[in-house]
Amino acid sequence: MQYLVQMKLAAQGRPTSPEAGITLIENYIFPTLEMCRKLREERKILAGGPIIGTIGIAMIVEAASALELDGIIDNLPVWPMMETNVTPLTTFEDRARAISPRLERDKANVRK
C-alpha cells in the first residue's frame, strides 16, 4: 500500500541558536536525508523529497502495513522533532471500482 507522508519541523524543534542549528543539521537533517536516499534506492520511498522553504519532507512510501510504515517513519533520525501527517492512498482503478456502485444507484434513482 502507498502512503503520503508529510513531515514538518514542530515549532519546539526549531533551533534557538547557531549551535542548535548546527546540531539539528549534522545530527538529524543530514542523517535523515541519507536514510531517505537509501529508502528510495530500496523502493520504499517512491517519490518525494524535502519541502522547499521549510524544514520538512513530503514522500510517497510503499509499505505492506501500517506497522511497517510506522517503523520506516519512526526510524528517521528527525522524526521526534517533526509533526507528521500520513494519508493512506488507493489506486485510481480501485477508486473507480469503489464509486461505480454509487453511480449505478444514483442513475437508478434518477430513472424512477
Protein backbone atom coordinates (compact mmCIF):
# COMPACT_ATOMS: atom_id res chain seq x y z
CA MET A 1 0.00 0.00 0.00
CA GLN A 2 1.13 3.54 -0.64
CA TYR A 3 1.03 6.38 1.87
CA LEU A 4 1.56 10.11 1.52
CA VAL A 5 3.80 11.11 4.43
CA GLN A 6 4.24 14.79 5.22
CA MET A 7 6.64 15.85 7.95
CA LYS A 8 7.35 19.39 9.12
CA LEU A 9 9.58 20.54 11.93
CA ALA A 10 7.49 21.24 15.04
CA ALA A 11 7.71 24.74 16.50
CA GLN A 12 9.51 23.46 19.61
CA GLY A 13 12.10 21.75 17.36
CA ARG A 14 13.29 24.99 15.80
CA PRO A 15 16.87 25.88 16.69
CA THR A 16 17.23 28.84 19.02
CA SER A 17 20.95 29.41 18.50
CA PRO A 18 23.57 28.84 15.81
CA GLU A 19 24.92 25.91 17.86
CA ALA A 20 21.45 24.30 17.99
CA GLY A 21 21.14 24.83 14.23
CA ILE A 22 24.44 23.05 13.65
CA THR A 23 23.32 20.16 15.87
CA LEU A 24 19.99 19.91 14.05
CA ILE A 25 21.64 19.78 10.63
CA GLU A 26 24.54 17.48 11.49
CA ASN A 27 22.74 15.05 13.81
CA TYR A 28 19.21 14.99 12.39
CA ILE A 29 18.76 16.56 8.94
CA PHE A 30 21.77 15.08 7.11
CA PRO A 31 21.30 11.56 8.59
CA THR A 32 17.59 11.69 7.69
CA LEU A 33 18.36 12.76 4.12
CA GLU A 34 20.84 9.89 3.80
CA MET A 35 18.34 7.39 5.19
CA CYS A 36 15.66 8.67 2.78
CA ARG A 37 18.09 8.31 -0.12
CA LYS A 38 18.67 4.67 0.87
CA LEU A 39 14.92 4.06 1.26
CA ARG A 40 14.42 5.47 -2.23
CA GLU A 41 17.06 3.07 -3.58
CA GLU A 42 15.19 0.21 -1.84
CA ARG A 43 11.92 1.43 -3.45
CA LYS A 44 10.34 2.07 -0.04
CA ILE A 45 10.16 5.77 -0.90
CA LEU A 46 8.68 6.00 -4.38
CA ALA A 47 8.68 9.79 -4.78
CA GLY A 48 9.09 12.97 -2.82
CA GLY A 49 11.78 14.98 -1.15
CA PRO A 50 12.49 17.94 1.09
CA ILE A 51 9.90 20.73 1.01
CA ILE A 52 11.26 24.00 -0.32
CA GLY A 53 11.04 26.96 2.04
CA THR A 54 10.56 24.97 5.25
CA ILE A 55 12.19 22.20 7.23
CA GLY A 56 10.09 19.31 6.04
CA ILE A 57 9.74 16.23 3.85
CA ALA A 58 6.88 15.00 1.67
CA MET A 59 7.07 11.49 0.27
CA ILE A 60 5.11 8.57 -1.10
CA VAL A 61 6.07 5.50 0.90
CA GLU A 62 5.37 1.89 -0.09
CA ALA A 63 4.69 -0.31 2.94
CA ALA A 64 2.93 -3.65 3.36
CA SER A 65 1.19 -2.48 6.54
CA ALA A 66 0.69 0.46 8.86
CA LEU A 67 3.13 -1.22 11.24
CA GLU A 68 5.84 -1.32 8.56
CA LEU A 69 5.15 2.32 7.70
CA ASP A 70 5.40 3.26 11.37
CA GLY A 71 8.79 1.57 11.55
CA ILE A 72 10.03 3.45 8.49
CA ILE A 73 8.87 6.82 9.82
CA ASP A 74 9.98 6.50 13.42
CA ASN A 75 13.44 5.28 12.38
CA LEU A 76 14.13 8.58 10.65
CA PRO A 77 16.50 10.50 12.95
CA VAL A 78 14.49 13.72 12.64
CA TRP A 79 11.12 12.09 13.41
CA PRO A 80 10.88 13.03 17.15
CA MET A 81 11.07 16.72 16.21
CA MET A 82 8.51 16.56 13.42
CA GLU A 83 4.76 16.93 13.12
CA THR A 84 3.80 14.04 10.86
CA ASN A 85 0.68 13.51 8.76
CA VAL A 86 0.01 10.22 6.98
CA THR A 87 -2.62 9.75 4.26
CA PRO A 88 -3.28 6.21 3.01
CA LEU A 89 -3.61 6.16 -0.78
CA THR A 90 -5.55 3.88 -3.07
CA THR A 91 -5.13 3.36 -6.80
CA PHE A 92 -7.12 5.21 -9.44
CA GLU A 93 -8.58 1.88 -10.56
CA ASP A 94 -9.68 0.90 -7.03
CA ARG A 95 -11.33 4.28 -6.55
CA ALA A 96 -13.24 3.89 -9.83
CA ARG A 97 -14.42 0.42 -8.71
CA ALA A 98 -15.45 1.79 -5.32
CA ILE A 99 -17.65 4.56 -6.71
CA SER A 100 -19.21 2.59 -9.58
CA PRO A 101 -21.99 1.08 -7.39
CA ARG A 102 -22.95 4.54 -6.17
CA LEU A 103 -23.15 5.79 -9.75
CA GLU A 104 -25.43 2.90 -10.69
CA ARG A 105 -27.62 3.54 -7.60
CA ASP A 106 -27.88 7.24 -8.40
CA LYS A 107 -28.77 6.52 -12.05
CA ALA A 108 -31.47 4.06 -10.93
CA ASN A 109 -32.93 6.66 -8.56
CA VAL A 110 -32.99 9.30 -11.30
CA ARG A 111 -34.87 6.92 -13.62
CA LYS A 112 -37.58 6.37 -11.01
